[in-house]
């Protein structure tokens, strides 16, 4: 009887922890392309990635809207030389995440 109750309790706690993982870890941003530190020869670059637990996402200060699965894509024109691209996100609780991408246009 106690074994069954303990097993049920462990199952409930495990499931609740799994469902709350987004609240625990906070917002996350992963940039898939281009790679940080890339040297490019074309000025038009497509920034692709995925964001989790993000209520608002900004690319260089401009609002970016990810799809339902959190994937985002946006095109930017780079200036010659060294460029810094910044992605900022925040969840609904105000926790923030920032990713910087450094690219060089030859």
PDB file of N, CA and C in Angstrom:
ATOM      1  N   UNK A   1       0.836  -1.196   0.000  1.00  0.00           N
ATOM      2  CA  UNK A   1       0.000   0.000   0.000  1.00  0.00           C
ATOM      3  C   UNK A   1       0.882   1.261   0.000  1.00  0.00           C
ATOM      4  N   UNK A   2       1.909   1.288   0.864  1.00  0.00           N
ATOM      5  CA  UNK A   2       2.798   2.457   0.911  1.00  0.00           C
ATOM      6  C   UNK A   2       3.623   2.580  -0.368  1.00  0.00           C
ATOM      7  N   UNK A   3       4.003   1.443  -0.926  1.00  0.00           N
ATOM      8  CA  UNK A   3       4.778   1.451  -2.171  1.00  0.00           C
ATOM      9  C   UNK A   3       3.967   2.083  -3.296  1.00  0.00           C
ATOM     10  N   UNK A   4       2.702   1.731  -3.403  1.00  0.00           N
ATOM     11  CA  UNK A   4       1.831   2.289  -4.433  1.00  0.00           C
ATOM     12  C   UNK A   4       1.660   3.797  -4.251  1.00  0.00           C
ATOM     13  N   UNK A   5       1.466   4.234  -3.008  1.00  0.00           N
ATOM     14  CA  UNK A   5       1.315   5.672  -2.725  1.00  0.00           C
ATOM     15  C   UNK A   5       2.609   6.415  -3.043  1.00  0.00           C
ATOM     16  N   UNK A   6       3.751   5.850  -2.681  1.00  0.00           N
ATOM     17  CA  UNK A   6       5.038   6.487  -2.955  1.00  0.00           C
ATOM     18  C   UNK A   6       5.305   6.554  -4.454  1.00  0.00           C
ATOM     19  N   UNK A   7       4.982   5.508  -5.178  1.00  0.00           N
ATOM     20  CA  UNK A   7       5.154   5.493  -6.637  1.00  0.00           C
ATOM     21  C   UNK A   7       4.283   6.546  -7.287  1.00  0.00           C
ATOM     22  N   UNK A   8       3.037   6.664  -6.850  1.00  0.00           N
ATOM     23  CA  UNK A   8       2.133   7.679  -7.381  1.00  0.00           C
ATOM     24  C   UNK A   8       2.662   9.078  -7.095  1.00  0.00           C
ATOM     25  N   UNK A   9       3.150   9.309  -5.892  1.00  0.00           N
ATOM     26  CA  UNK A   9       3.687  10.622  -5.527  1.00  0.00           C
ATOM     27  C   UNK A   9       4.910  10.973  -6.371  1.00  0.00           C
ATOM     28  N   UNK A  10       5.797  10.022  -6.578  1.00  0.00           N
ATOM     29  CA  UNK A  10       6.980  10.255  -7.414  1.00  0.00           C
ATOM     30  C   UNK A  10       6.569  10.569  -8.851  1.00  0.00           C
ATOM     31  N   UNK A  11       5.567   9.856  -9.355  1.00  0.00           N
ATOM     32  CA  UNK A  11       5.088  10.098 -10.717  1.00  0.00           C
ATOM     33  C   UNK A  11       4.498  11.501 -10.854  1.00  0.00           C
ATOM     34  N   UNK A  12       3.715  11.931  -9.890  1.00  0.00           N
ATOM     35  CA  UNK A  12       3.101  13.268  -9.928  1.00  0.00           C
ATOM     36  C   UNK A  12       4.166  14.351  -9.858  1.00  0.00           C
ATOM     37  N   UNK A  13       5.121  14.202  -8.964  1.00  0.00           N
ATOM     38  CA  UNK A  13       6.193  15.201  -8.824  1.00  0.00           C
ATOM     39  C   UNK A  13       7.055  15.239 -10.084  1.00  0.00           C
ATOM     40  N   UNK A  14       7.352  14.093 -10.656  1.00  0.00           N
ATOM     41  CA  UNK A  14       8.155  14.039 -11.885  1.00  0.00           C
ATOM     42  C   UNK A  14       7.430  14.719 -13.033  1.00  0.00           C
ATOM     43  N   UNK A  15       6.146  14.436 -13.195  1.00  0.00           N
ATOM     44  CA  UNK A  15       5.367  15.048 -14.265  1.00  0.00           C
ATOM     45  C   UNK A  15       5.271  16.558 -14.071  1.00  0.00           C
ATOM     46  N   UNK A  16       5.023  17.005 -12.859  1.00  0.00           N
ATOM     47  CA  UNK A  16       4.929  18.445 -12.592  1.00  0.00           C
ATOM     48  C   UNK A  16       6.265  19.132 -12.872  1.00  0.00           C
ATOM     49  N   UNK A  17       7.357  18.513 -12.490  1.00  0.00           N
ATOM     50  CA  UNK A  17       8.681  19.085 -12.765  1.00  0.00           C
ATOM     51  C   UNK A  17       8.934  19.179 -14.255  1.00  0.00           C
ATOM     52  N   UNK A  18       8.542  18.147 -14.996  1.00  0.00           N
ATOM     53  CA  UNK A  18       8.721  18.155 -16.443  1.00  0.00           C
ATOM     54  C   UNK A  18       7.906  19.271 -17.079  1.00  0.00           C
ATOM     55  N   UNK A  19       6.682  19.470 -16.658  1.00  0.00           N
ATOM     56  CA  UNK A  19       5.820  20.503 -17.217  1.00  0.00           C
ATOM     57  C   UNK A  19       6.297  21.909 -16.847  1.00  0.00           C
ATOM     58  N   UNK A  20       6.978  22.055 -15.722  1.00  0.00           N
ATOM     59  CA  UNK A  20       7.427  23.365 -15.258  1.00  0.00           C
ATOM     60  C   UNK A  20       8.855  23.682 -15.692  1.00  0.00           C
ATOM     61  N   UNK A  21       9.480  22.848 -16.503  1.00  0.00           N
ATOM     62  CA  UNK A  21      10.883  23.042 -16.866  1.00  0.00           C
ATOM     63  C   UNK A  21      11.122  24.391 -17.534  1.00  0.00           C
ATOM     64  N   UNK A  22      10.157  24.870 -18.325  1.00  0.00           N
ATOM     65  CA  UNK A  22      10.303  26.173 -18.962  1.00  0.00           C
ATOM     66  C   UNK A  22      10.314  27.312 -17.970  1.00  0.00           C
ATOM     67  N   UNK A  23       9.502  27.191 -16.933  1.00  0.00           N
ATOM     68  CA  UNK A  23       9.475  28.217 -15.896  1.00  0.00           C
ATOM     69  C   UNK A  23      10.758  28.211 -15.085  1.00  0.00           C
ATOM     70  N   UNK A  24      11.333  27.043 -14.919  1.00  0.00           N
ATOM     71  CA  UNK A  24      12.543  26.906 -14.115  1.00  0.00           C
ATOM     72  C   UNK A  24      13.772  27.401 -14.875  1.00  0.00           C
ATOM     73  N   UNK A  25      13.893  27.019 -16.146  1.00  0.00           N
ATOM     74  CA  UNK A  25      15.092  27.364 -16.917  1.00  0.00           C
ATOM     75  C   UNK A  25      15.079  28.793 -17.439  1.00  0.00           C
ATOM     76  N   UNK A  26      13.923  29.380 -17.647  1.00  0.00           N
ATOM     77  CA  UNK A  26      13.836  30.734 -18.165  1.00  0.00           C
ATOM     78  C   UNK A  26      13.968  30.769 -19.681  1.00  0.00           C
ATOM     79  N   UNK A  27      14.023  31.980 -20.255  1.00  0.00           N
ATOM     80  CA  UNK A  27      14.080  32.100 -21.708  1.00  0.00           C
ATOM     81  C   UNK A  27      15.433  31.662 -22.261  1.00  0.00           C
ATOM     82  N   UNK A  28      15.405  31.135 -23.483  1.00  0.00           N
ATOM     83  CA  UNK A  28      16.627  30.700 -24.152  1.00  0.00           C
ATOM     84  C   UNK A  28      16.553  31.086 -25.628  1.00  0.00           C
ATOM     85  N   UNK A  29      17.695  31.450 -26.192  1.00  0.00           N
ATOM     86  CA  UNK A  29      17.806  31.762 -27.615  1.00  0.00           C
ATOM     87  C   UNK A  29      19.003  30.999 -28.170  1.00  0.00           C
ATOM     88  N   UNK A  30      18.780  30.309 -29.270  1.00  0.00           N
ATOM     89  CA  UNK A  30      19.866  29.628 -29.978  1.00  0.00           C
ATOM     90  C   UNK A  30      19.893  30.149 -31.404  1.00  0.00           C
ATOM     91  N   UNK A  31      21.055  30.658 -31.826  1.00  0.00           N
ATOM     92  CA  UNK A  31      21.238  31.118 -33.202  1.00  0.00           C
ATOM     93  C   UNK A  31      21.846  29.962 -33.987  1.00  0.00           C
ATOM     94  N   UNK A  32      21.129  29.512 -35.019  1.00  0.00           N
ATOM     95  CA  UNK A  32      21.580  28.388 -35.834  1.00  0.00           C
ATOM     96  C   UNK A  32      22.492  28.824 -36.970  1.00  0.00           C
ATOM     97  N   UNK A  33      22.179  29.961 -37.565  1.00  0.00           N
ATOM     98  CA  UNK A  33      23.042  30.478 -38.634  1.00  0.00           C
ATOM     99  C   UNK A  33      22.866  31.985 -38.736  1.00  0.00           C
ATOM    100  N   UNK A  34      23.909  32.683 -39.095  1.00  0.00           N
ATOM    101  CA  UNK A  34      25.274  32.236 -39.322  1.00  0.00           C
ATOM    102  C   UNK A  34      25.992  31.995 -37.990  1.00  0.00           C
ATOM    103  N   UNK A  35      27.107  31.317 -38.061  1.00  0.00           N
ATOM    104  CA  UNK A  35      27.890  31.026 -36.858  1.00  0.00           C
ATOM    105  C   UNK A  35      28.552  32.300 -36.342  1.00  0.00           C
ATOM    106  N   UNK A  36      28.642  32.430 -35.045  1.00  0.00           N
ATOM    107  CA  UNK A  36      29.301  33.579 -34.434  1.00  0.00           C
ATOM    108  C   UNK A  36      30.760  33.636 -34.896  1.00  0.00           C
ATOM    109  N   UNK A  37      31.223  34.820 -35.289  1.00  0.00           N
ATOM    110  CA  UNK A  37      32.597  34.997 -35.745  1.00  0.00           C
ATOM    111  C   UNK A  37      32.793  34.728 -37.220  1.00  0.00           C
ATOM    112  N   UNK A  38      31.706  34.496 -37.956  1.00  0.00           N
ATOM    113  CA  UNK A  38      31.816  34.200 -39.386  1.00  0.00           C
ATOM    114  C   UNK A  38      32.331  35.395 -40.166  1.00  0.00           C
ATOM    115  N   UNK A  39      33.053  35.079 -41.225  1.00  0.00           N
ATOM    116  CA  UNK A  39      33.519  36.082 -42.180  1.00  0.00           C
ATOM    117  C   UNK A  39      32.718  35.873 -43.460  1.00  0.00           C
ATOM    118  N   UNK A  40      31.955  36.881 -43.857  1.00  0.00           N
ATOM    119  CA  UNK A  40      31.046  36.756 -44.994  1.00  0.00           C
ATOM    120  C   UNK A  40      31.497  37.630 -46.155  1.00  0.00           C
ATOM    121  N   UNK A  41      31.070  37.255 -47.354  1.00  0.00           N
ATOM    122  CA  UNK A  41      31.391  38.052 -48.551  1.00  0.00           C
ATOM    123  C   UNK A  41      30.154  38.698 -49.142  1.00  0.00           C
ATOM    124  N   UNK A  42      28.955  38.334 -48.650  1.00  0.00           N
ATOM    125  CA  UNK A  42      27.691  38.893 -49.140  1.00  0.00           C
ATOM    126  C   UNK A  42      27.075  39.726 -48.024  1.00  0.00           C
ATOM    127  N   UNK A  43      26.604  40.925 -48.365  1.00  0.00           N
ATOM    128  CA  UNK A  43      26.107  41.833 -47.325  1.00  0.00           C
ATOM    129  C   UNK A  43      24.742  41.456 -46.765  1.00  0.00           C
ATOM    130  N   UNK A  44      23.919  40.719 -47.519  1.00  0.00           N
ATOM    131  CA  UNK A  44      22.602  40.311 -47.031  1.00  0.00           C
ATOM    132  C   UNK A  44      22.740  38.974 -46.305  1.00  0.00           C
ATOM    133  N   UNK A  45      22.432  38.972 -45.015  1.00  0.00           N
ATOM    134  CA  UNK A  45      22.577  37.762 -44.199  1.00  0.00           C
ATOM    135  C   UNK A  45      21.217  37.411 -43.593  1.00  0.00           C
ATOM    136  N   UNK A  46      20.943  36.115 -43.521  1.00  0.00           N
ATOM    137  CA  UNK A  46      19.711  35.626 -42.899  1.00  0.00           C
ATOM    138  C   UNK A  46      20.055  35.055 -41.535  1.00  0.00           C
ATOM    139  N   UNK A  47      19.433  35.604 -40.505  1.00  0.00           N
ATOM    140  CA  UNK A  47      19.629  35.147 -39.134  1.00  0.00           C
ATOM    141  C   UNK A  47      18.523  34.137 -38.842  1.00  0.00           C
ATOM    142  N   UNK A  48      18.924  32.913 -38.490  1.00  0.00           N
ATOM    143  CA  UNK A  48      17.962  31.855 -38.178  1.00  0.00           C
ATOM    144  C   UNK A  48      18.250  31.277 -36.805  1.00  0.00           C
ATOM    145  N   UNK A  49      17.177  30.900 -36.118  1.00  0.00           N
ATOM    146  CA  UNK A  49      17.380  30.286 -34.819  1.00  0.00           C
ATOM    147  C   UNK A  49      16.083  29.875 -34.178  1.00  0.00           C
ATOM    148  N   UNK A  50      16.172  29.632 -32.884  1.00  0.00           N
ATOM    149  CA  UNK A  50      15.011  29.204 -32.126  1.00  0.00           C
ATOM    150  C   UNK A  50      15.048  29.841 -30.741  1.00  0.00           C
ATOM    151  N   UNK A  51      13.868  30.211 -30.273  1.00  0.00           N
ATOM    152  CA  UNK A  51      13.724  30.823 -28.949  1.00  0.00           C
ATOM    153  C   UNK A  51      12.699  30.025 -28.150  1.00  0.00           C
ATOM    154  N   UNK A  52      13.018  29.771 -26.872  1.00  0.00           N
ATOM    155  CA  UNK A  52      12.110  29.045 -25.984  1.00  0.00           C
ATOM    156  C   UNK A  52      11.728  29.939 -24.823  1.00  0.00           C
ATOM    157  N   UNK A  53      10.481  29.845 -24.424  1.00  0.00           N
ATOM    158  CA  UNK A  53       9.954  30.579 -23.275  1.00  0.00           C
ATOM    159  C   UNK A  53      10.174  32.085 -23.416  1.00  0.00           C
ATOM    160  N   UNK A  54      10.029  32.604 -24.629  1.00  0.00           N
ATOM    161  CA  UNK A  54      10.243  34.024 -24.884  1.00  0.00           C
ATOM    162  C   UNK A  54       8.913  34.672 -25.236  1.00  0.00           C
ATOM    163  N   UNK A  55       8.510  35.669 -24.448  1.00  0.00           N
ATOM    164  CA  UNK A  55       7.283  36.409 -24.735  1.00  0.00           C
ATOM    165  C   UNK A  55       7.556  37.515 -25.748  1.00  0.00           C
ATOM    166  N   UNK A  56       8.739  38.115 -25.672  1.00  0.00           N
ATOM    167  CA  UNK A  56       9.142  39.173 -26.607  1.00  0.00           C
ATOM    168  C   UNK A  56      10.558  38.889 -27.076  1.00  0.00           C
ATOM    169  N   UNK A  57      10.787  39.085 -28.379  1.00  0.00           N
ATOM    170  CA  UNK A  57      12.085  38.848 -28.970  1.00  0.00           C
ATOM    171  C   UNK A  57      12.438  40.034 -29.857  1.00  0.00           C
ATOM    172  N   UNK A  58      13.649  40.557 -29.680  1.00  0.00           N
ATOM    173  CA  UNK A  58      14.100  41.711 -30.453  1.00  0.00           C
ATOM    174  C   UNK A  58      15.404  41.391 -31.160  1.00  0.00           C
ATOM    175  N   UNK A  59      15.514  41.827 -32.412  1.00  0.00           N
ATOM    176  CA  UNK A  59      16.730  41.704 -33.197  1.00  0.00           C
ATOM    177  C   UNK A  59      17.210  43.114 -33.485  1.00  0.00           C
ATOM    178  N   UNK A  60      18.330  43.504 -32.885  1.00  0.00           N
ATOM    179  CA  UNK A  60      18.860  44.869 -32.992  1.00  0.00           C
ATOM    180  C   UNK A  60      17.792  45.910 -32.664  1.00  0.00           C
ATOM    181  N   UNK A  61      16.990  45.637 -31.643  1.00  0.00           N
ATOM    182  CA  UNK A  61      15.984  46.595 -31.184  1.00  0.00           C
ATOM    183  C   UNK A  61      14.649  46.513 -31.897  1.00  0.00           C
ATOM    184  N   UNK A  62      14.545  45.742 -32.961  1.00  0.00           N
ATOM    185  CA  UNK A  62      13.292  45.603 -33.707  1.00  0.00           C
ATOM    186  C   UNK A  62      12.576  44.330 -33.259  1.00  0.00           C
ATOM    187  N   UNK A  63      11.268  44.440 -33.042  1.00  0.00           N
ATOM    188  CA  UNK A  63      10.483  43.297 -32.603  1.00  0.00           C
ATOM    189  C   UNK A  63      10.502  42.203 -33.663  1.00  0.00           C
ATOM    190  N   UNK A  64      10.768  40.995 -33.236  1.00  0.00           N
ATOM    191  CA  UNK A  64      10.821  39.830 -34.110  1.00  0.00           C
ATOM    192  C   UNK A  64       9.805  38.832 -33.578  1.00  0.00           C
ATOM    193  N   UNK A  65       8.975  38.281 -34.466  1.00  0.00           N
ATOM    194  CA  UNK A  65       7.940  37.361 -34.025  1.00  0.00           C
ATOM    195  C   UNK A  65       8.276  35.937 -34.440  1.00  0.00           C
ATOM    196  N   UNK A  66       8.609  35.080 -33.479  1.00  0.00           N
ATOM    197  CA  UNK A  66       8.858  33.674 -33.799  1.00  0.00           C
ATOM    198  C   UNK A  66       7.553  32.961 -34.155  1.00  0.00           C
ATOM    199  N   UNK A  67       7.654  31.820 -34.844  1.00  0.00           N
ATOM    200  CA  UNK A  67       6.451  31.038 -35.133  1.00  0.00           C
ATOM    201  C   UNK A  67       6.014  30.276 -33.884  1.00  0.00           C
ATOM    202  N   UNK A  68       4.993  29.410 -34.026  1.00  0.00           N
ATOM    203  CA  UNK A  68       4.436  28.673 -32.878  1.00  0.00           C
ATOM    204  C   UNK A  68       5.468  27.805 -32.173  1.00  0.00           C
ATOM    205  N   UNK A  69       6.443  27.308 -32.941  1.00  0.00           N
ATOM    206  CA  UNK A  69       7.448  26.416 -32.361  1.00  0.00           C
ATOM    207  C   UNK A  69       8.665  27.164 -31.828  1.00  0.00           C
ATOM    208  N   UNK A  70       8.676  28.497 -31.969  1.00  0.00           N
ATOM    209  CA  UNK A  70       9.779  29.294 -31.457  1.00  0.00           C
ATOM    210  C   UNK A  70      10.853  29.597 -32.493  1.00  0.00           C
ATOM    211  N   UNK A  71      10.681  29.119 -33.720  1.00  0.00           N
ATOM    212  CA  UNK A  71      11.675  29.363 -34.762  1.00  0.00           C
ATOM    213  C   UNK A  71      11.523  30.789 -35.293  1.00  0.00           C
ATOM    214  N   UNK A  72      12.662  31.405 -35.586  1.00  0.00           N
ATOM    215  CA  UNK A  72      12.640  32.757 -36.154  1.00  0.00           C
ATOM    216  C   UNK A  72      13.633  32.838 -37.304  1.00  0.00           C
ATOM    217  N   UNK A  73      13.380  33.810 -38.174  1.00  0.00           N
ATOM    218  CA  UNK A  73      14.242  34.063 -39.325  1.00  0.00           C
ATOM    219  C   UNK A  73      14.068  35.520 -39.722  1.00  0.00           C
ATOM    220  N   UNK A  74      15.177  36.192 -39.972  1.00  0.00           N
ATOM    221  CA  UNK A  74      15.135  37.587 -40.390  1.00  0.00           C
ATOM    222  C   UNK A  74      16.379  37.898 -41.213  1.00  0.00           C
ATOM    223  N   UNK A  75      16.223  38.807 -42.179  1.00  0.00           N
ATOM    224  CA  UNK A  75      17.355  39.202 -43.015  1.00  0.00           C
ATOM    225  C   UNK A  75      17.848  40.579 -42.607  1.00  0.00           C
ATOM    226  N   UNK A  76      19.173  40.742 -42.653  1.00  0.00           N
ATOM    227  CA  UNK A  76      19.814  42.008 -42.314  1.00  0.00           C
ATOM    228  C   UNK A  76      20.863  42.340 -43.362  1.00  0.00           C
ATOM    229  N   UNK A  77      21.075  43.633 -43.577  1.00  0.00           N
ATOM    230  CA  UNK A  77      22.187  44.099 -44.409  1.00  0.00           C
ATOM    231  C   UNK A  77      23.338  44.453 -43.490  1.00  0.00           C
ATOM    232  N   UNK A  78      24.483  43.887 -43.758  1.00  0.00           N
ATOM    233  CA  UNK A  78      25.668  44.159 -42.956  1.00  0.00           C
ATOM    234  C   UNK A  78      26.454  45.320 -43.549  1.00  0.00           C
ATOM    235  N   UNK A  79      27.126  46.054 -42.687  1.00  0.00           N
ATOM    236  CA  UNK A  79      28.052  47.099 -43.124  1.00  0.00           C
ATOM    237  C   UNK A  79      29.409  46.438 -43.361  1.00  0.00           C
ATOM    238  N   UNK A  80      30.230  47.050 -44.161  1.00  0.00           N
ATOM    239  CA  UNK A  80      31.573  46.507 -44.378  1.00  0.00           C
ATOM    240  C   UNK A  80      32.357  46.511 -43.080  1.00  0.00           C
ATOM    241  N   UNK A  81      33.087  45.442 -42.870  1.00  0.00           N
ATOM    242  CA  UNK A  81      33.891  45.344 -41.655  1.00  0.00           C
ATOM    243  C   UNK A  81      33.179  44.576 -40.564  1.00  0.00           C
ATOM    244  N   UNK A  82      33.400  45.008 -39.341  1.00  0.00           N
ATOM    245  CA  UNK A  82      32.934  44.312 -38.144  1.00  0.00           C
ATOM    246  C   UNK A  82      31.497  44.706 -37.804  1.00  0.00           C
ATOM    247  N   UNK A  83      30.630  43.721 -37.577  1.00  0.00           N
ATOM    248  CA  UNK A  83      29.225  43.947 -37.242  1.00  0.00           C
ATOM    249  C   UNK A  83      28.862  43.176 -35.978  1.00  0.00           C
ATOM    250  N   UNK A  84      28.079  43.806 -35.119  1.00  0.00           N
ATOM    251  CA  UNK A  84      27.532  43.130 -33.938  1.00  0.00           C
ATOM    252  C   UNK A  84      26.021  43.099 -34.092  1.00  0.00           C
ATOM    253  N   UNK A  85      25.464  41.904 -34.024  1.00  0.00           N
ATOM    254  CA  UNK A  85      24.017  41.715 -34.103  1.00  0.00           C
ATOM    255  C   UNK A  85      23.573  41.225 -32.738  1.00  0.00           C
ATOM    256  N   UNK A  86      22.529  41.848 -32.203  1.00  0.00           N
ATOM    257  CA  UNK A  86      22.090  41.512 -30.850  1.00  0.00           C
ATOM    258  C   UNK A  86      20.659  41.020 -30.857  1.00  0.00           C
ATOM    259  N   UNK A  87      20.443  39.879 -30.218  1.00  0.00           N
ATOM    260  CA  UNK A  87      19.114  39.325 -29.991  1.00  0.00           C
ATOM    261  C   UNK A  87      18.808  39.428 -28.501  1.00  0.00           C
ATOM    262  N   UNK A  88      17.663  40.015 -28.172  1.00  0.00           N
ATOM    263  CA  UNK A  88      17.233  40.150 -26.785  1.00  0.00           C
ATOM    264  C   UNK A  88      15.870  39.510 -26.634  1.00  0.00           C
ATOM    265  N   UNK A  89      15.695  38.746 -25.578  1.00  0.00           N
ATOM    266  CA  UNK A  89      14.411  38.128 -25.304  1.00  0.00           C
ATOM    267  C   UNK A  89      14.056  38.262 -23.845  1.00  0.00           C
ATOM    268  N   UNK A  90      12.761  38.195 -23.576  1.00  0.00           N
ATOM    269  CA  UNK A  90      12.272  38.246 -22.197  1.00  0.00           C
ATOM    270  C   UNK A  90      11.058  37.346 -22.086  1.00  0.00           C
ATOM    271  N   UNK A  91      10.940  36.679 -20.938  1.00  0.00           N
ATOM    272  CA  UNK A  91       9.754  35.859 -20.723  1.00  0.00           C
ATOM    273  C   UNK A  91       8.686  36.697 -20.029  1.00  0.00           C
ATOM    274  N   UNK A  92       7.561  36.092 -19.763  1.00  0.00           N
ATOM    275  CA  UNK A  92       6.440  36.849 -19.181  1.00  0.00           C
ATOM    276  C   UNK A  92       6.677  37.251 -17.735  1.00  0.00           C
ATOM    277  N   UNK A  93       7.741  36.730 -17.110  1.00  0.00           N
ATOM    278  CA  UNK A  93       8.072  37.088 -15.741  1.00  0.00           C
ATOM    279  C   UNK A  93       9.177  38.147 -15.676  1.00  0.00           C
ATOM    280  N   UNK A  94       9.631  38.615 -16.846  1.00  0.00           N
ATOM    281  CA  UNK A  94      10.647  39.657 -16.891  1.00  0.00           C
ATOM    282  C   UNK A  94      12.077  39.157 -16.914  1.00  0.00           C
ATOM    283  N   UNK A  95      12.275  37.840 -16.904  1.00  0.00           N
ATOM    284  CA  UNK A  95      13.640  37.313 -17.006  1.00  0.00           C
ATOM    285  C   UNK A  95      14.139  37.520 -18.424  1.00  0.00           C
ATOM    286  N   UNK A  96      15.386  37.962 -18.554  1.00  0.00           N
ATOM    287  CA  UNK A  96      15.931  38.340 -19.851  1.00  0.00           C
ATOM    288  C   UNK A  96      17.058  37.411 -20.283  1.00  0.00           C
ATOM    289  N   UNK A  97      17.229  37.355 -21.608  1.00  0.00           N
ATOM    290  CA  UNK A  97      18.341  36.622 -22.201  1.00  0.00           C
ATOM    291  C   UNK A  97      18.847  37.459 -23.372  1.00  0.00           C
ATOM    292  N   UNK A  98      20.154  37.407 -23.587  1.00  0.00           N
ATOM    293  CA  UNK A  98      20.784  38.198 -24.655  1.00  0.00           C
ATOM    294  C   UNK A  98      21.797  37.330 -25.392  1.00  0.00           C
ATOM    295  N   UNK A  99      21.790  37.428 -26.713  1.00  0.00           N
ATOM    296  CA  UNK A  99      22.787  36.750 -27.548  1.00  0.00           C
ATOM    297  C   UNK A  99      23.390  37.782 -28.476  1.00  0.00           C
ATOM    298  N   UNK A 100      24.713  37.788 -28.563  1.00  0.00           N
ATOM    299  CA  UNK A 100      25.403  38.673 -29.490  1.00  0.00           C
ATOM    300  C   UNK A 100      26.079  37.831 -30.557  1.00  0.00           C
ATOM    301  N   UNK A 101      25.970  38.312 -31.779  1.00  0.00           N
ATOM    302  CA  UNK A 101      26.547  37.639 -32.924  1.00  0.00           C
ATOM    303  C   UNK A 101      27.532  38.620 -33.552  1.00  0.00           C
ATOM    304  N   UNK A 102      28.781  38.214 -33.665  1.00  0.00           N
ATOM    305  CA  UNK A 102      29.809  39.066 -34.258  1.00  0.00           C
ATOM    306  C   UNK A 102      30.147  38.523 -35.639  1.00  0.00           C
ATOM    307  N   UNK A 103      29.943  39.358 -36.658  1.00  0.00           N
ATOM    308  CA  UNK A 103      30.171  38.953 -38.049  1.00  0.00           C
ATOM    309  C   UNK A 103      31.091  39.968 -38.723  1.00  0.00           C
ATOM    310  N   UNK A 104      31.851  39.504 -39.704  1.00  0.00           N
ATOM    311  CA  UNK A 104      32.729  40.381 -40.474  1.00  0.00           C
ATOM    312  C   UNK A 104      32.328  40.272 -41.937  1.00  0.00           C
ATOM    313  N   UNK A 105      32.109  41.429 -42.562  1.00  0.00           N
ATOM    314  CA  UNK A 105      31.812  41.477 -43.997  1.00  0.00           C
ATOM    315  C   UNK A 105      33.073  41.948 -44.705  1.00  0.00           C
ATOM    316  N   UNK A 106      33.617  41.074 -45.552  1.00  0.00           N
ATOM    317  CA  UNK A 106      34.836  41.413 -46.318  1.00  0.00           C
ATOM    318  C   UNK A 106      34.465  42.112 -47.613  1.00  0.00           C
TER     319      UNK A 106
END
